[in-house]
N, C-alpha and C. Protein backbone atom coordinates (compact mmCIF):
# COMPACT_ATOMS: atom_id res chain seq x y z
N MET A 1 -97.01 96.91 81.29
CA MET A 1 -95.72 96.72 80.65
C MET A 1 -95.15 95.36 81.07
N VAL A 2 -94.66 94.61 80.10
CA VAL A 2 -94.08 93.29 80.36
C VAL A 2 -92.58 93.37 80.17
N ASN A 3 -91.83 92.88 81.15
CA ASN A 3 -90.38 92.86 81.03
C ASN A 3 -89.92 91.59 80.34
N ALA A 4 -88.93 91.70 79.49
CA ALA A 4 -88.37 90.53 78.81
C ALA A 4 -87.59 89.68 79.81
N VAL A 5 -87.65 88.38 79.62
CA VAL A 5 -86.92 87.44 80.47
C VAL A 5 -85.60 87.14 79.80
N SER A 6 -84.52 87.16 80.58
CA SER A 6 -83.21 86.86 80.00
C SER A 6 -82.45 85.90 80.91
N ALA A 7 -81.40 85.33 80.36
CA ALA A 7 -80.57 84.38 81.10
C ALA A 7 -79.16 84.42 80.53
N GLU A 8 -78.24 83.80 81.25
CA GLU A 8 -76.86 83.69 80.80
C GLU A 8 -76.31 82.35 81.27
N VAL A 9 -75.50 81.71 80.42
CA VAL A 9 -74.78 80.49 80.80
C VAL A 9 -73.30 80.74 80.56
N VAL A 10 -72.47 80.22 81.47
CA VAL A 10 -71.02 80.40 81.36
C VAL A 10 -70.34 79.05 81.56
N PRO A 11 -70.26 78.26 80.48
CA PRO A 11 -69.57 76.97 80.56
C PRO A 11 -68.08 77.15 80.32
N PRO A 12 -67.29 76.10 80.53
CA PRO A 12 -65.89 76.18 80.11
C PRO A 12 -65.83 76.22 78.59
N VAL A 13 -64.70 76.59 78.03
CA VAL A 13 -64.54 76.62 76.57
C VAL A 13 -64.60 75.20 76.01
N SER A 14 -64.03 74.24 76.75
CA SER A 14 -64.04 72.85 76.30
C SER A 14 -64.21 71.92 77.49
N ALA A 15 -64.62 70.69 77.18
CA ALA A 15 -64.77 69.65 78.20
C ALA A 15 -64.38 68.32 77.56
N LYS A 16 -63.85 67.41 78.37
CA LYS A 16 -63.48 66.08 77.86
C LYS A 16 -64.73 65.23 77.71
N ALA A 17 -64.77 64.48 76.63
CA ALA A 17 -65.91 63.60 76.33
C ALA A 17 -66.20 62.69 77.52
N GLY A 18 -67.47 62.65 77.92
CA GLY A 18 -67.92 61.76 78.98
C GLY A 18 -67.61 62.22 80.39
N GLU A 19 -66.97 63.36 80.56
CA GLU A 19 -66.62 63.84 81.90
C GLU A 19 -67.56 64.96 82.35
N TYR A 20 -67.66 65.10 83.67
CA TYR A 20 -68.51 66.15 84.24
C TYR A 20 -67.82 67.50 84.22
N PHE A 21 -68.62 68.56 84.08
CA PHE A 21 -68.11 69.93 84.12
C PHE A 21 -69.19 70.81 84.74
N GLN A 22 -68.81 72.02 85.14
CA GLN A 22 -69.75 72.93 85.77
C GLN A 22 -70.07 74.12 84.86
N VAL A 23 -71.29 74.59 85.00
CA VAL A 23 -71.77 75.74 84.23
C VAL A 23 -72.36 76.76 85.19
N ALA A 24 -71.75 77.92 85.26
CA ALA A 24 -72.36 79.01 86.02
C ALA A 24 -73.51 79.56 85.17
N TRP A 25 -74.58 79.95 85.80
CA TRP A 25 -75.72 80.47 85.05
C TRP A 25 -76.48 81.47 85.90
N GLN A 26 -77.25 82.29 85.23
CA GLN A 26 -78.24 83.13 85.90
C GLN A 26 -79.45 83.25 84.99
N GLY A 27 -80.60 83.33 85.61
CA GLY A 27 -81.84 83.40 84.86
C GLY A 27 -83.01 83.33 85.81
N PRO A 28 -84.22 83.23 85.27
CA PRO A 28 -85.41 83.29 86.11
C PRO A 28 -85.62 82.06 86.99
N ALA A 29 -85.09 80.92 86.62
CA ALA A 29 -85.24 79.67 87.38
C ALA A 29 -86.71 79.33 87.65
N TYR A 30 -87.52 79.46 86.61
CA TYR A 30 -88.91 79.04 86.74
C TYR A 30 -88.97 77.53 86.96
N GLN A 31 -90.07 77.07 87.50
CA GLN A 31 -90.24 75.64 87.74
C GLN A 31 -90.00 74.87 86.45
N SER A 32 -89.17 73.86 86.52
CA SER A 32 -88.83 72.95 85.41
C SER A 32 -87.89 73.54 84.37
N ASP A 33 -87.37 74.77 84.54
CA ASP A 33 -86.33 75.27 83.65
C ASP A 33 -85.08 74.41 83.84
N TYR A 34 -84.24 74.34 82.82
CA TYR A 34 -83.05 73.50 82.93
C TYR A 34 -81.89 74.01 82.08
N ILE A 35 -80.70 73.56 82.45
CA ILE A 35 -79.47 73.82 81.71
C ILE A 35 -79.13 72.53 81.00
N THR A 36 -78.75 72.61 79.73
CA THR A 36 -78.54 71.39 78.96
C THR A 36 -77.38 71.52 77.98
N VAL A 37 -76.95 70.38 77.45
CA VAL A 37 -75.94 70.31 76.39
C VAL A 37 -76.63 69.75 75.16
N ALA A 38 -76.44 70.40 74.02
CA ALA A 38 -77.04 69.94 72.76
C ALA A 38 -76.07 70.20 71.62
N LEU A 39 -76.24 69.46 70.55
CA LEU A 39 -75.46 69.72 69.34
C LEU A 39 -75.79 71.12 68.84
N SER A 40 -74.79 71.84 68.37
CA SER A 40 -75.02 73.17 67.81
C SER A 40 -76.07 73.07 66.70
N GLY A 41 -77.07 73.93 66.78
CA GLY A 41 -78.10 73.96 65.75
C GLY A 41 -79.29 73.04 65.99
N ASP A 42 -79.22 72.15 66.99
CA ASP A 42 -80.37 71.29 67.28
C ASP A 42 -81.54 72.12 67.80
N SER A 43 -82.74 71.59 67.65
CA SER A 43 -83.94 72.26 68.14
C SER A 43 -83.91 72.32 69.67
N PRO A 44 -84.66 73.24 70.27
CA PRO A 44 -84.64 73.40 71.73
C PRO A 44 -85.01 72.15 72.51
N GLY A 45 -85.84 71.29 71.96
CA GLY A 45 -86.27 70.09 72.67
C GLY A 45 -85.30 68.92 72.59
N ARG A 46 -84.22 69.06 71.83
CA ARG A 46 -83.23 67.98 71.70
C ARG A 46 -82.01 68.31 72.55
N TYR A 47 -81.56 67.33 73.31
CA TYR A 47 -80.40 67.56 74.18
C TYR A 47 -79.79 66.24 74.61
N ASP A 48 -78.58 66.33 75.15
CA ASP A 48 -77.86 65.14 75.60
C ASP A 48 -78.17 64.83 77.07
N ASN A 49 -78.04 65.81 77.95
CA ASN A 49 -78.40 65.65 79.36
C ASN A 49 -78.70 67.03 79.92
N TYR A 50 -79.18 67.08 81.16
CA TYR A 50 -79.63 68.36 81.71
C TYR A 50 -79.52 68.39 83.22
N ALA A 51 -79.62 69.60 83.77
CA ALA A 51 -79.71 69.82 85.22
C ALA A 51 -80.77 70.89 85.44
N TYR A 52 -81.69 70.63 86.36
CA TYR A 52 -82.73 71.61 86.65
C TYR A 52 -82.14 72.84 87.34
N THR A 53 -82.67 74.01 87.00
CA THR A 53 -82.16 75.24 87.59
C THR A 53 -82.49 75.36 89.07
N HIS A 54 -83.52 74.68 89.55
CA HIS A 54 -83.86 74.79 90.97
C HIS A 54 -82.77 74.22 91.87
N ARG A 55 -81.81 73.51 91.28
CA ARG A 55 -80.67 72.98 92.06
C ARG A 55 -79.58 74.03 92.26
N GLY A 56 -79.71 75.18 91.61
CA GLY A 56 -78.78 76.28 91.82
C GLY A 56 -77.64 76.33 90.83
N SER A 57 -76.86 77.39 90.96
CA SER A 57 -75.70 77.62 90.10
C SER A 57 -74.44 77.47 90.95
N PRO A 58 -73.45 76.76 90.43
CA PRO A 58 -73.32 76.23 89.08
C PRO A 58 -74.07 74.91 88.91
N ALA A 59 -74.44 74.64 87.67
CA ALA A 59 -75.06 73.36 87.32
C ALA A 59 -73.94 72.37 86.98
N ARG A 60 -74.18 71.11 87.24
CA ARG A 60 -73.22 70.06 86.92
C ARG A 60 -73.78 69.23 85.77
N LEU A 61 -73.04 69.20 84.65
CA LEU A 61 -73.47 68.46 83.47
C LEU A 61 -72.39 67.47 83.05
N LYS A 62 -72.79 66.46 82.32
CA LYS A 62 -71.84 65.50 81.77
C LYS A 62 -71.70 65.77 80.28
N ALA A 63 -70.45 65.89 79.83
CA ALA A 63 -70.19 66.13 78.41
C ALA A 63 -70.61 64.91 77.59
N PRO A 64 -71.10 65.12 76.39
CA PRO A 64 -71.42 63.98 75.51
C PRO A 64 -70.18 63.11 75.29
N THR A 65 -70.40 61.86 74.95
CA THR A 65 -69.28 60.93 74.74
C THR A 65 -68.63 61.10 73.37
N LYS A 66 -69.32 61.75 72.45
CA LYS A 66 -68.78 61.96 71.11
C LYS A 66 -68.20 63.38 71.00
N PRO A 67 -66.90 63.51 70.70
CA PRO A 67 -66.30 64.83 70.53
C PRO A 67 -67.00 65.62 69.42
N GLY A 68 -67.01 66.94 69.56
CA GLY A 68 -67.62 67.78 68.54
C GLY A 68 -68.00 69.14 69.08
N GLU A 69 -68.74 69.89 68.27
CA GLU A 69 -69.19 71.24 68.62
C GLU A 69 -70.60 71.18 69.20
N TYR A 70 -70.74 71.64 70.42
CA TYR A 70 -72.01 71.61 71.14
C TYR A 70 -72.34 73.00 71.66
N GLU A 71 -73.52 73.11 72.27
CA GLU A 71 -73.94 74.33 72.95
C GLU A 71 -74.43 73.97 74.34
N VAL A 72 -74.13 74.82 75.29
CA VAL A 72 -74.76 74.75 76.61
C VAL A 72 -75.88 75.78 76.57
N ARG A 73 -77.06 75.37 76.99
CA ARG A 73 -78.25 76.22 76.86
C ARG A 73 -79.02 76.34 78.17
N TYR A 74 -79.63 77.51 78.36
CA TYR A 74 -80.63 77.69 79.40
C TYR A 74 -81.96 77.54 78.68
N ILE A 75 -82.75 76.56 79.09
CA ILE A 75 -84.05 76.32 78.47
C ILE A 75 -85.17 76.70 79.44
N MET A 76 -86.04 77.58 78.99
CA MET A 76 -87.24 77.88 79.75
C MET A 76 -88.25 76.80 79.39
N ALA A 77 -88.64 76.01 80.38
CA ALA A 77 -89.48 74.84 80.13
C ALA A 77 -90.82 75.21 79.50
N ARG A 78 -91.41 76.29 79.96
CA ARG A 78 -92.69 76.70 79.36
C ARG A 78 -92.42 77.18 77.94
N GLY A 79 -92.86 76.41 76.98
CA GLY A 79 -92.64 76.74 75.58
C GLY A 79 -91.34 76.21 75.01
N THR A 80 -90.55 75.53 75.83
CA THR A 80 -89.25 74.99 75.42
C THR A 80 -88.47 76.03 74.63
N LYS A 81 -88.20 77.15 75.28
CA LYS A 81 -87.54 78.29 74.64
C LYS A 81 -86.10 78.41 75.12
N ILE A 82 -85.16 78.61 74.18
CA ILE A 82 -83.76 78.84 74.54
C ILE A 82 -83.62 80.30 74.97
N LEU A 83 -83.28 80.51 76.25
CA LEU A 83 -83.08 81.88 76.74
C LEU A 83 -81.63 82.31 76.61
N ALA A 84 -80.70 81.35 76.64
CA ALA A 84 -79.28 81.67 76.51
C ALA A 84 -78.56 80.44 75.98
N LYS A 85 -77.46 80.68 75.27
CA LYS A 85 -76.63 79.56 74.80
C LYS A 85 -75.21 80.04 74.61
N ARG A 86 -74.29 79.11 74.76
CA ARG A 86 -72.88 79.40 74.54
C ARG A 86 -72.19 78.14 74.05
N ALA A 87 -71.20 78.30 73.19
CA ALA A 87 -70.50 77.17 72.59
C ALA A 87 -69.70 76.37 73.62
N LEU A 88 -69.62 75.06 73.37
CA LEU A 88 -68.81 74.14 74.17
C LEU A 88 -68.18 73.15 73.20
N LYS A 89 -66.87 73.04 73.23
CA LYS A 89 -66.17 72.06 72.39
C LYS A 89 -65.89 70.84 73.24
N VAL A 90 -66.39 69.68 72.80
CA VAL A 90 -66.13 68.43 73.50
C VAL A 90 -64.95 67.76 72.81
N ILE A 91 -63.93 67.47 73.61
CA ILE A 91 -62.68 66.90 73.08
C ILE A 91 -62.45 65.50 73.62
N LYS A 92 -61.53 64.76 72.97
CA LYS A 92 -61.20 63.39 73.41
C LYS A 92 -60.49 63.41 74.74
């Protein structure tokens, strides 16, 4: 029997463009897994910046410089699979 792998990310509702923010997360933390910010709807391999999960929770990320609707994602590096995502609004 194989158990499904799951994760959760808990970013703030919004972040100021270009500023750092923290994301609480939980997940398997396999080697090279990471937490990232991406435009809503972008493919799993596209992102603005990232923090490796081996650095622990919370992760520290920098908001994109362009305001808009984004997602904070937990990416399982093997297969570049999104295990969790949550909306983030980047504001001026």
